[in-house]
Amino acid sequence: MPKAAAAKTSAQPTSYEAALQELEQLIAHIESGQLPLEQMLTGYQRAAELLAYCRGKLDAVQEQVKVLDEGTLSPWTQD
């Protein structure tokens, strides 16, 4: 991963899907074993940021579902 790419990717992801895609690409680069040590460390740090972002998004959605389940949604029944 060139330095320009590392600087470009340090921004907040635009969506969960974009973060997940970037994370998958980073993992592939890291696992390839072809990166210099410094770039591997930078990639690992970015991957940790993306993972935290994705977990935060998933937690937020899970909380929204809990709120809906606890009051405004009623069980669906087939007639």
N, C-alpha and C. Protein backbone atom coordinates (compact mmCIF):
# COMPACT_ATOMS: atom_id res chain seq x y z
N MET A 1 0.86 -1.17 0.00
CA MET A 1 0.00 0.00 0.00
C MET A 1 0.90 1.23 0.00
N PRO A 2 0.90 2.03 -1.07
CA PRO A 2 1.71 3.23 -1.15
C PRO A 2 1.29 4.25 -0.11
N LYS A 3 2.21 5.17 0.21
CA LYS A 3 1.91 6.18 1.22
C LYS A 3 0.70 7.03 0.83
N ALA A 4 0.54 7.35 -0.44
CA ALA A 4 -0.61 8.14 -0.89
C ALA A 4 -1.91 7.40 -0.59
N ALA A 5 -1.92 6.09 -0.79
CA ALA A 5 -3.11 5.31 -0.51
C ALA A 5 -3.40 5.28 0.98
N ALA A 6 -2.36 5.20 1.79
CA ALA A 6 -2.56 5.19 3.24
C ALA A 6 -3.14 6.51 3.70
N ALA A 7 -2.66 7.62 3.14
CA ALA A 7 -3.19 8.93 3.52
C ALA A 7 -4.64 9.07 3.06
N LYS A 8 -4.95 8.56 1.89
CA LYS A 8 -6.30 8.65 1.34
C LYS A 8 -7.29 7.84 2.17
N THR A 9 -6.86 6.68 2.67
CA THR A 9 -7.78 5.79 3.36
C THR A 9 -7.95 6.12 4.84
N SER A 10 -7.25 7.12 5.34
CA SER A 10 -7.37 7.41 6.77
C SER A 10 -8.66 8.17 7.10
N ALA A 11 -9.43 8.55 6.10
CA ALA A 11 -10.68 9.26 6.32
C ALA A 11 -11.75 8.29 6.82
N GLN A 12 -12.78 8.85 7.43
CA GLN A 12 -13.92 8.06 7.91
C GLN A 12 -14.62 7.44 6.70
N PRO A 13 -14.99 6.17 6.77
CA PRO A 13 -15.69 5.53 5.65
C PRO A 13 -17.04 6.19 5.39
N THR A 14 -17.50 6.09 4.17
CA THR A 14 -18.78 6.70 3.81
C THR A 14 -19.97 5.82 4.21
N SER A 15 -19.72 4.52 4.39
CA SER A 15 -20.80 3.61 4.77
C SER A 15 -20.20 2.34 5.35
N TYR A 16 -21.07 1.54 5.95
CA TYR A 16 -20.66 0.25 6.48
C TYR A 16 -20.09 -0.62 5.36
N GLU A 17 -20.77 -0.62 4.23
CA GLU A 17 -20.36 -1.45 3.10
C GLU A 17 -18.99 -1.03 2.57
N ALA A 18 -18.75 0.29 2.49
CA ALA A 18 -17.45 0.79 2.03
C ALA A 18 -16.35 0.40 3.01
N ALA A 19 -16.65 0.50 4.30
CA ALA A 19 -15.67 0.13 5.32
C ALA A 19 -15.35 -1.36 5.24
N LEU A 20 -16.38 -2.17 5.08
CA LEU A 20 -16.18 -3.61 4.98
C LEU A 20 -15.35 -3.98 3.76
N GLN A 21 -15.63 -3.34 2.64
CA GLN A 21 -14.86 -3.61 1.42
C GLN A 21 -13.39 -3.22 1.60
N GLU A 22 -13.16 -2.04 2.18
CA GLU A 22 -11.78 -1.61 2.42
C GLU A 22 -11.07 -2.56 3.39
N LEU A 23 -11.79 -2.99 4.42
CA LEU A 23 -11.23 -3.92 5.40
C LEU A 23 -10.84 -5.23 4.73
N GLU A 24 -11.69 -5.75 3.88
CA GLU A 24 -11.39 -7.00 3.17
C GLU A 24 -10.15 -6.85 2.29
N GLN A 25 -10.02 -5.70 1.62
CA GLN A 25 -8.85 -5.45 0.77
C GLN A 25 -7.58 -5.36 1.61
N LEU A 26 -7.67 -4.67 2.74
CA LEU A 26 -6.51 -4.55 3.62
C LEU A 26 -6.07 -5.92 4.14
N ILE A 27 -7.03 -6.73 4.54
CA ILE A 27 -6.70 -8.06 5.04
C ILE A 27 -6.00 -8.88 3.96
N ALA A 28 -6.48 -8.80 2.73
CA ALA A 28 -5.85 -9.52 1.63
C ALA A 28 -4.41 -9.05 1.42
N HIS A 29 -4.17 -7.73 1.49
CA HIS A 29 -2.82 -7.20 1.33
C HIS A 29 -1.91 -7.66 2.46
N ILE A 30 -2.42 -7.61 3.67
CA ILE A 30 -1.61 -8.00 4.84
C ILE A 30 -1.29 -9.49 4.78
N GLU A 31 -2.29 -10.30 4.47
CA GLU A 31 -2.09 -11.74 4.43
C GLU A 31 -1.21 -12.19 3.27
N SER A 32 -1.08 -11.36 2.26
CA SER A 32 -0.24 -11.73 1.12
C SER A 32 1.23 -11.84 1.50
N GLY A 33 1.63 -11.14 2.56
CA GLY A 33 3.01 -11.18 2.99
C GLY A 33 3.95 -10.40 2.09
N GLN A 34 3.42 -9.64 1.17
CA GLN A 34 4.24 -8.91 0.21
C GLN A 34 4.50 -7.47 0.60
N LEU A 35 3.93 -7.02 1.71
CA LEU A 35 4.10 -5.63 2.13
C LEU A 35 5.33 -5.48 3.01
N PRO A 36 6.03 -4.35 2.88
CA PRO A 36 7.10 -4.06 3.83
C PRO A 36 6.50 -3.91 5.23
N LEU A 37 7.32 -4.12 6.23
CA LEU A 37 6.85 -4.13 7.62
C LEU A 37 6.11 -2.85 7.99
N GLU A 38 6.64 -1.69 7.61
CA GLU A 38 6.00 -0.42 7.95
C GLU A 38 4.60 -0.31 7.33
N GLN A 39 4.47 -0.70 6.09
CA GLN A 39 3.16 -0.66 5.43
C GLN A 39 2.21 -1.68 6.03
N MET A 40 2.75 -2.81 6.46
CA MET A 40 1.92 -3.82 7.10
C MET A 40 1.36 -3.27 8.42
N LEU A 41 2.18 -2.57 9.18
CA LEU A 41 1.73 -1.98 10.44
C LEU A 41 0.68 -0.91 10.19
N THR A 42 0.90 -0.07 9.19
CA THR A 42 -0.07 0.97 8.83
C THR A 42 -1.39 0.32 8.41
N GLY A 43 -1.30 -0.73 7.62
CA GLY A 43 -2.51 -1.45 7.19
C GLY A 43 -3.24 -2.07 8.36
N TYR A 44 -2.49 -2.62 9.30
CA TYR A 44 -3.11 -3.22 10.48
C TYR A 44 -3.83 -2.16 11.31
N GLN A 45 -3.21 -1.00 11.47
CA GLN A 45 -3.83 0.08 12.23
C GLN A 45 -5.12 0.54 11.56
N ARG A 46 -5.09 0.69 10.24
CA ARG A 46 -6.28 1.10 9.51
C ARG A 46 -7.37 0.03 9.62
N ALA A 47 -6.97 -1.23 9.54
CA ALA A 47 -7.93 -2.32 9.67
C ALA A 47 -8.61 -2.28 11.03
N ALA A 48 -7.86 -1.97 12.08
CA ALA A 48 -8.44 -1.87 13.42
C ALA A 48 -9.45 -0.72 13.48
N GLU A 49 -9.15 0.40 12.83
CA GLU A 49 -10.08 1.53 12.78
C GLU A 49 -11.36 1.14 12.04
N LEU A 50 -11.21 0.46 10.91
CA LEU A 50 -12.37 0.05 10.13
C LEU A 50 -13.22 -0.98 10.89
N LEU A 51 -12.55 -1.88 11.59
CA LEU A 51 -13.28 -2.87 12.37
C LEU A 51 -14.09 -2.19 13.46
N ALA A 52 -13.51 -1.21 14.13
CA ALA A 52 -14.23 -0.47 15.17
C ALA A 52 -15.41 0.27 14.56
N TYR A 53 -15.24 0.87 13.39
CA TYR A 53 -16.32 1.57 12.71
C TYR A 53 -17.46 0.60 12.39
N CYS A 54 -17.13 -0.56 11.83
CA CYS A 54 -18.14 -1.56 11.47
C CYS A 54 -18.87 -2.06 12.71
N ARG A 55 -18.14 -2.34 13.77
CA ARG A 55 -18.78 -2.79 15.01
C ARG A 55 -19.72 -1.72 15.56
N GLY A 56 -19.30 -0.47 15.49
CA GLY A 56 -20.15 0.62 15.95
C GLY A 56 -21.44 0.71 15.16
N LYS A 57 -21.34 0.57 13.84
CA LYS A 57 -22.54 0.59 13.00
C LYS A 57 -23.46 -0.58 13.32
N LEU A 58 -22.89 -1.77 13.48
CA LEU A 58 -23.70 -2.94 13.79
C LEU A 58 -24.37 -2.80 15.16
N ASP A 59 -23.63 -2.27 16.14
CA ASP A 59 -24.21 -2.06 17.47
C ASP A 59 -25.38 -1.07 17.40
N ALA A 60 -25.22 -0.01 16.60
CA ALA A 60 -26.28 0.99 16.48
C ALA A 60 -27.54 0.37 15.85
N VAL A 61 -27.36 -0.44 14.84
CA VAL A 61 -28.50 -1.10 14.20
C VAL A 61 -29.14 -2.08 15.18
N GLN A 62 -28.33 -2.81 15.92
CA GLN A 62 -28.87 -3.75 16.90
C GLN A 62 -29.71 -3.03 17.95
N GLU A 63 -29.26 -1.87 18.40
CA GLU A 63 -30.02 -1.09 19.37
C GLU A 63 -31.34 -0.61 18.78
N GLN A 64 -31.32 -0.20 17.51
CA GLN A 64 -32.56 0.24 16.86
C GLN A 64 -33.55 -0.91 16.76
N VAL A 65 -33.06 -2.09 16.44
CA VAL A 65 -33.93 -3.26 16.35
C VAL A 65 -34.52 -3.58 17.72
N LYS A 66 -33.71 -3.48 18.77
CA LYS A 66 -34.22 -3.73 20.13
C LYS A 66 -35.34 -2.75 20.46
N VAL A 67 -35.17 -1.49 20.13
CA VAL A 67 -36.20 -0.49 20.40
C VAL A 67 -37.48 -0.84 19.66
N LEU A 68 -37.35 -1.22 18.41
CA LEU A 68 -38.53 -1.59 17.63
C LEU A 68 -39.19 -2.84 18.20
N ASP A 69 -38.40 -3.81 18.61
CA ASP A 69 -38.95 -5.05 19.16
C ASP A 69 -39.65 -4.83 20.49
N GLU A 70 -39.22 -3.83 21.25
CA GLU A 70 -39.77 -3.64 22.59
C GLU A 70 -41.03 -2.79 22.62
N GLY A 71 -41.48 -2.26 21.52
CA GLY A 71 -42.67 -1.44 21.65
C GLY A 71 -43.46 -1.21 20.40
N THR A 72 -42.82 -0.92 19.32
CA THR A 72 -43.59 -0.49 18.17
C THR A 72 -43.87 -1.61 17.17
N LEU A 73 -43.20 -2.70 17.30
CA LEU A 73 -43.47 -3.83 16.41
C LEU A 73 -44.31 -4.86 17.14
N SER A 74 -45.25 -5.41 16.45
CA SER A 74 -46.00 -6.50 17.03
C SER A 74 -45.69 -7.76 16.23
N PRO A 75 -45.82 -8.90 16.87
CA PRO A 75 -45.48 -10.15 16.19
C PRO A 75 -46.31 -10.34 14.91
N TRP A 76 -45.68 -10.82 13.90
CA TRP A 76 -46.35 -11.09 12.64
C TRP A 76 -46.98 -12.46 12.72
N THR A 77 -48.24 -12.53 12.36
CA THR A 77 -48.92 -13.82 12.37
C THR A 77 -49.53 -14.05 10.99
N GLN A 78 -49.47 -15.28 10.58
CA GLN A 78 -50.10 -15.65 9.31
C GLN A 78 -51.57 -15.94 9.55
N ASP A 79 -52.39 -15.46 8.68
CA ASP A 79 -53.83 -15.74 8.79
C ASP A 79 -54.18 -16.99 8.08
